[in-house]
C-alpha atoms as a PDB file:
ATOM      1  CA  MET A   1      -7.847  12.493   8.152  1.00  0.00           C
ATOM      2  CA  ALA A   2     -10.309   9.927   9.503  1.00  0.00           C
ATOM      3  CA  ALA A   3     -11.576   7.096   7.373  1.00  0.00           C
ATOM      4  CA  SER A   4     -15.282   6.460   6.943  1.00  0.00           C
ATOM      5  CA  GLY A   5     -17.030   5.364  10.099  1.00  0.00           C
ATOM      6  CA  GLY A   6     -14.794   7.562  12.238  1.00  0.00           C
ATOM      7  CA  VAL A   7     -11.986   5.002  12.317  1.00  0.00           C
ATOM      8  CA  ARG A   8      -8.528   6.531  12.067  1.00  0.00           C
ATOM      9  CA  PRO A   9      -6.360   4.708   9.503  1.00  0.00           C
ATOM     10  CA  SER A  10      -3.138   3.116  10.670  1.00  0.00           C
ATOM     11  CA  THR A  11       0.220   4.363   9.429  1.00  0.00           C
ATOM     12  CA  ASP A  12       2.054   1.589  11.262  1.00  0.00           C
ATOM     13  CA  LEU A  13       2.283  -0.832   8.356  1.00  0.00           C
ATOM     14  CA  PRO A  14       4.504  -3.898   8.141  1.00  0.00           C
ATOM     15  CA  GLN A  15       7.679  -3.237   6.165  1.00  0.00           C
ATOM     16  CA  ASP A  16       6.671  -5.639   3.389  1.00  0.00           C
ATOM     17  CA  GLU A  17       3.481  -3.627   2.740  1.00  0.00           C
ATOM     18  CA  VAL A  18       5.399  -0.329   2.783  1.00  0.00           C
ATOM     19  CA  GLU A  19       7.925  -1.762   0.323  1.00  0.00           C
ATOM     20  CA  VAL A  20       5.192  -2.832  -2.101  1.00  0.00           C
ATOM     21  CA  LEU A  21       3.455   0.554  -1.782  1.00  0.00           C
ATOM     22  CA  ALA A  22       6.719   2.383  -2.447  1.00  0.00           C
ATOM     23  CA  LEU A  23       7.394   0.389  -5.605  1.00  0.00           C
ATOM     24  CA  PHE A  24       3.804   0.868  -6.765  1.00  0.00           C
ATOM     25  CA  ALA A  25       4.210   4.615  -6.175  1.00  0.00           C
ATOM     26  CA  ARG A  26       7.263   4.566  -8.463  1.00  0.00           C
ATOM     27  CA  GLY A  27       5.043   3.220 -11.229  1.00  0.00           C
ATOM     28  CA  TYR A  28       6.090  -0.419 -11.051  1.00  0.00           C
ATOM     29  CA  THR A  29       3.473  -2.870 -12.276  1.00  0.00           C
ATOM     30  CA  ILE A  30       2.256  -5.682 -10.073  1.00  0.00           C
ATOM     31  CA  GLU A  31       4.211  -8.089 -12.273  1.00  0.00           C
ATOM     32  CA  ARG A  32       7.433  -6.075 -11.910  1.00  0.00           C
ATOM     33  CA  ILE A  33       6.998  -5.700  -8.141  1.00  0.00           C
ATOM     34  CA  ALA A  34       6.565  -9.467  -7.851  1.00  0.00           C
ATOM     35  CA  ARG A  35       9.687 -10.060  -9.940  1.00  0.00           C
ATOM     36  CA  GLU A  36      11.758  -7.477  -8.019  1.00  0.00           C
ATOM     37  CA  LEU A  37      10.776  -8.893  -4.620  1.00  0.00           C
ATOM     38  CA  GLY A  38      10.738 -12.563  -5.623  1.00  0.00           C
ATOM     39  CA  ILE A  39       7.106 -13.012  -4.579  1.00  0.00           C
ATOM     40  CA  SER A  40       3.926 -13.919  -6.432  1.00  0.00           C
ATOM     41  CA  GLU A  41       1.646 -11.382  -8.070  1.00  0.00           C
ATOM     42  CA  ARG A  42      -1.070 -12.633  -5.729  1.00  0.00           C
ATOM     43  CA  THR A  43       1.103 -11.707  -2.740  1.00  0.00           C
ATOM     44  CA  VAL A  44       1.712  -8.246  -4.203  1.00  0.00           C
ATOM     45  CA  ARG A  45      -2.034  -7.729  -4.609  1.00  0.00           C
ATOM     46  CA  ARG A  46      -2.675  -8.990  -1.094  1.00  0.00           C
ATOM     47  CA  ARG A  47      -0.088  -6.602   0.376  1.00  0.00           C
ATOM     48  CA  LEU A  48      -1.459  -3.652  -1.592  1.00  0.00           C
ATOM     49  CA  ARG A  49      -4.983  -4.464  -0.400  1.00  0.00           C
ATOM     50  CA  ALA A  50      -3.838  -4.842   3.220  1.00  0.00           C
ATOM     51  CA  ALA A  51      -2.001  -1.517   3.047  1.00  0.00           C
ATOM     52  CA  ALA A  52      -5.024   0.190   1.510  1.00  0.00           C
ATOM     53  CA  ASP A  53      -7.276  -1.231   4.213  1.00  0.00           C
ATOM     54  CA  ALA A  54      -4.907  -0.138   6.974  1.00  0.00           C
ATOM     55  CA  LEU A  55      -4.731   3.371   5.519  1.00  0.00           C
ATOM     56  CA  GLY A  56      -8.490   3.585   5.071  1.00  0.00           C
ATOM     57  CA  ALA A  57      -8.121   3.810   1.297  1.00  0.00           C
ATOM     58  CA  GLY A  58     -10.502   2.394  -1.272  1.00  0.00           C
ATOM     59  CA  THR A  59      -7.856   1.727  -3.911  1.00  0.00           C
ATOM     60  CA  SER A  60      -4.132   1.116  -4.177  1.00  0.00           C
ATOM     61  CA  VAL A  61      -3.672   4.521  -5.797  1.00  0.00           C
ATOM     62  CA  GLU A  62      -5.481   6.201  -2.909  1.00  0.00           C
ATOM     63  CA  ALA A  63      -3.293   4.201  -0.508  1.00  0.00           C
ATOM     64  CA  VAL A  64      -0.179   5.589  -2.203  1.00  0.00           C
ATOM     65  CA  VAL A  65      -1.519   9.138  -1.897  1.00  0.00           C
ATOM     66  CA  ARG A  66      -2.250   8.644   1.806  1.00  0.00           C
ATOM     67  CA  ALA A  67       1.134   7.021   2.390  1.00  0.00           C
ATOM     68  CA  VAL A  68       2.904   9.963   0.754  1.00  0.00           C
ATOM     69  CA  ARG A  69       0.829  12.533   2.653  1.00  0.00           C
ATOM     70  CA  THR A  70       1.608  10.883   5.991  1.00  0.00           C
ATOM     71  CA  GLY A  71       5.311  10.510   5.189  1.00  0.00           C
ATOM     72  CA  LEU A  72       5.101   6.731   5.211  1.00  0.00           C
ATOM     73  CA  ILE A  73       6.770   6.583   1.791  1.00  0.00           C
END
């Protein structure tokens, strides 16, 4: 599925973004993801946003849906 503007979203995400997306998909909160990975909540948010952008998603939830549909997570 193409993102708006005819740009095809990337499914070649860095492992750290995939890891954050996978935990978010499991229902982990941003705070819990940060604690589990030993990173700041700001970093978690930044990785979720980067993953959403790369997947052509408007939200983190939409990014999870796209990641699941493409077999990324």
